[in-house]
Amino acid sequence: MTRWWREARGWTRDLAEDERGDVPGWVLVTLMTAGLVVLIWAVAGPALTALFEQAIQRVSGL
């Protein structure tokens, strides 16, 4: 093998070992994101529904 190939394999292996991640951290980020989506949807949902219905009424001419 060429020297470049050996170095590239070494970099890839090092990257794979360093990128294991922080599982509890990612779980927390995921749960917080889901919570924000639910909160925003609860607050903005009725307004968005009314806006959609109004737009449909204007298009359909009712």
C-alpha atoms as a PDB file:
ATOM      1  CA  MET A   1       0.000   0.000   0.000  1.00  0.00           C
ATOM      2  CA  THR A   2       1.041   3.523  -0.580  1.00  0.00           C
ATOM      3  CA  ARG A   3       1.838   5.831   2.252  1.00  0.00           C
ATOM      4  CA  TRP A   4      -1.123   8.085   1.401  1.00  0.00           C
ATOM      5  CA  TRP A   5      -3.539   5.143   1.615  1.00  0.00           C
ATOM      6  CA  ARG A   6      -2.210   4.080   5.023  1.00  0.00           C
ATOM      7  CA  GLU A   7      -2.541   7.644   6.350  1.00  0.00           C
ATOM      8  CA  ALA A   8      -6.074   7.963   4.975  1.00  0.00           C
ATOM      9  CA  ARG A   9      -7.090   4.711   6.674  1.00  0.00           C
ATOM     10  CA  GLY A  10      -5.552   5.964   9.910  1.00  0.00           C
ATOM     11  CA  TRP A  11      -7.481   9.260   9.711  1.00  0.00           C
ATOM     12  CA  THR A  12     -10.707   7.389   9.022  1.00  0.00           C
ATOM     13  CA  ARG A  13     -10.160   5.044  11.937  1.00  0.00           C
ATOM     14  CA  ASP A  14      -9.354   7.970  14.265  1.00  0.00           C
ATOM     15  CA  LEU A  15     -12.456   9.829  13.120  1.00  0.00           C
ATOM     16  CA  ALA A  16     -14.663   6.792  13.698  1.00  0.00           C
ATOM     17  CA  GLU A  17     -13.299   6.356  17.204  1.00  0.00           C
ATOM     18  CA  ASP A  18     -13.699  10.061  18.057  1.00  0.00           C
ATOM     19  CA  GLU A  19     -17.276  10.313  16.745  1.00  0.00           C
ATOM     20  CA  ARG A  20     -18.941   7.861  19.117  1.00  0.00           C
ATOM     21  CA  GLY A  21     -21.034  10.698  20.469  1.00  0.00           C
ATOM     22  CA  ASP A  22     -22.687  11.496  23.730  1.00  0.00           C
ATOM     23  CA  VAL A  23     -25.866   9.395  23.732  1.00  0.00           C
ATOM     24  CA  PRO A  24     -27.542  11.023  26.775  1.00  0.00           C
ATOM     25  CA  GLY A  25     -26.809  14.432  25.268  1.00  0.00           C
ATOM     26  CA  TRP A  26     -28.419  13.517  21.949  1.00  0.00           C
ATOM     27  CA  VAL A  27     -31.430  12.071  23.746  1.00  0.00           C
ATOM     28  CA  LEU A  28     -31.829  15.322  25.665  1.00  0.00           C
ATOM     29  CA  VAL A  29     -31.537  17.404  22.483  1.00  0.00           C
ATOM     30  CA  THR A  30     -34.120  15.200  20.754  1.00  0.00           C
ATOM     31  CA  LEU A  31     -36.576  15.417  23.648  1.00  0.00           C
ATOM     32  CA  MET A  32     -36.151  19.170  23.966  1.00  0.00           C
ATOM     33  CA  THR A  33     -36.718  19.630  20.230  1.00  0.00           C
ATOM     34  CA  ALA A  34     -39.859  17.493  20.360  1.00  0.00           C
ATOM     35  CA  GLY A  35     -41.075  19.516  23.345  1.00  0.00           C
ATOM     36  CA  LEU A  36     -40.537  22.783  21.500  1.00  0.00           C
ATOM     37  CA  VAL A  37     -42.421  21.483  18.463  1.00  0.00           C
ATOM     38  CA  VAL A  38     -45.372  20.447  20.637  1.00  0.00           C
ATOM     39  CA  LEU A  39     -45.374  23.794  22.449  1.00  0.00           C
ATOM     40  CA  ILE A  40     -45.199  25.843  19.246  1.00  0.00           C
ATOM     41  CA  TRP A  41     -47.868  23.669  17.616  1.00  0.00           C
ATOM     42  CA  ALA A  42     -50.174  24.110  20.639  1.00  0.00           C
ATOM     43  CA  VAL A  43     -49.775  27.883  20.537  1.00  0.00           C
ATOM     44  CA  ALA A  44     -49.816  28.439  16.766  1.00  0.00           C
ATOM     45  CA  GLY A  45     -52.042  25.520  15.699  1.00  0.00           C
ATOM     46  CA  PRO A  46     -55.431  27.244  16.048  1.00  0.00           C
ATOM     47  CA  ALA A  47     -54.171  30.391  14.302  1.00  0.00           C
ATOM     48  CA  LEU A  48     -52.700  28.365  11.441  1.00  0.00           C
ATOM     49  CA  THR A  49     -55.919  26.362  11.106  1.00  0.00           C
ATOM     50  CA  ALA A  50     -57.984  29.556  10.937  1.00  0.00           C
ATOM     51  CA  LEU A  51     -55.593  31.044   8.396  1.00  0.00           C
ATOM     52  CA  PHE A  52     -55.804  27.919   6.231  1.00  0.00           C
ATOM     53  CA  GLU A  53     -59.601  27.829   6.378  1.00  0.00           C
ATOM     54  CA  GLN A  54     -59.802  31.521   5.487  1.00  0.00           C
ATOM     55  CA  ALA A  55     -57.509  30.994   2.502  1.00  0.00           C
ATOM     56  CA  ILE A  56     -59.597  28.039   1.292  1.00  0.00           C
ATOM     57  CA  GLN A  57     -62.794  30.092   1.612  1.00  0.00           C
ATOM     58  CA  ARG A  58     -61.304  32.921  -0.430  1.00  0.00           C
ATOM     59  CA  VAL A  59     -60.137  30.570  -3.169  1.00  0.00           C
ATOM     60  CA  SER A  60     -63.387  28.619  -3.336  1.00  0.00           C
ATOM     61  CA  GLY A  61     -65.527  31.792  -3.147  1.00  0.00           C
ATOM     62  CA  LEU A  62     -67.749  30.624  -0.286  1.00  0.00           C
END
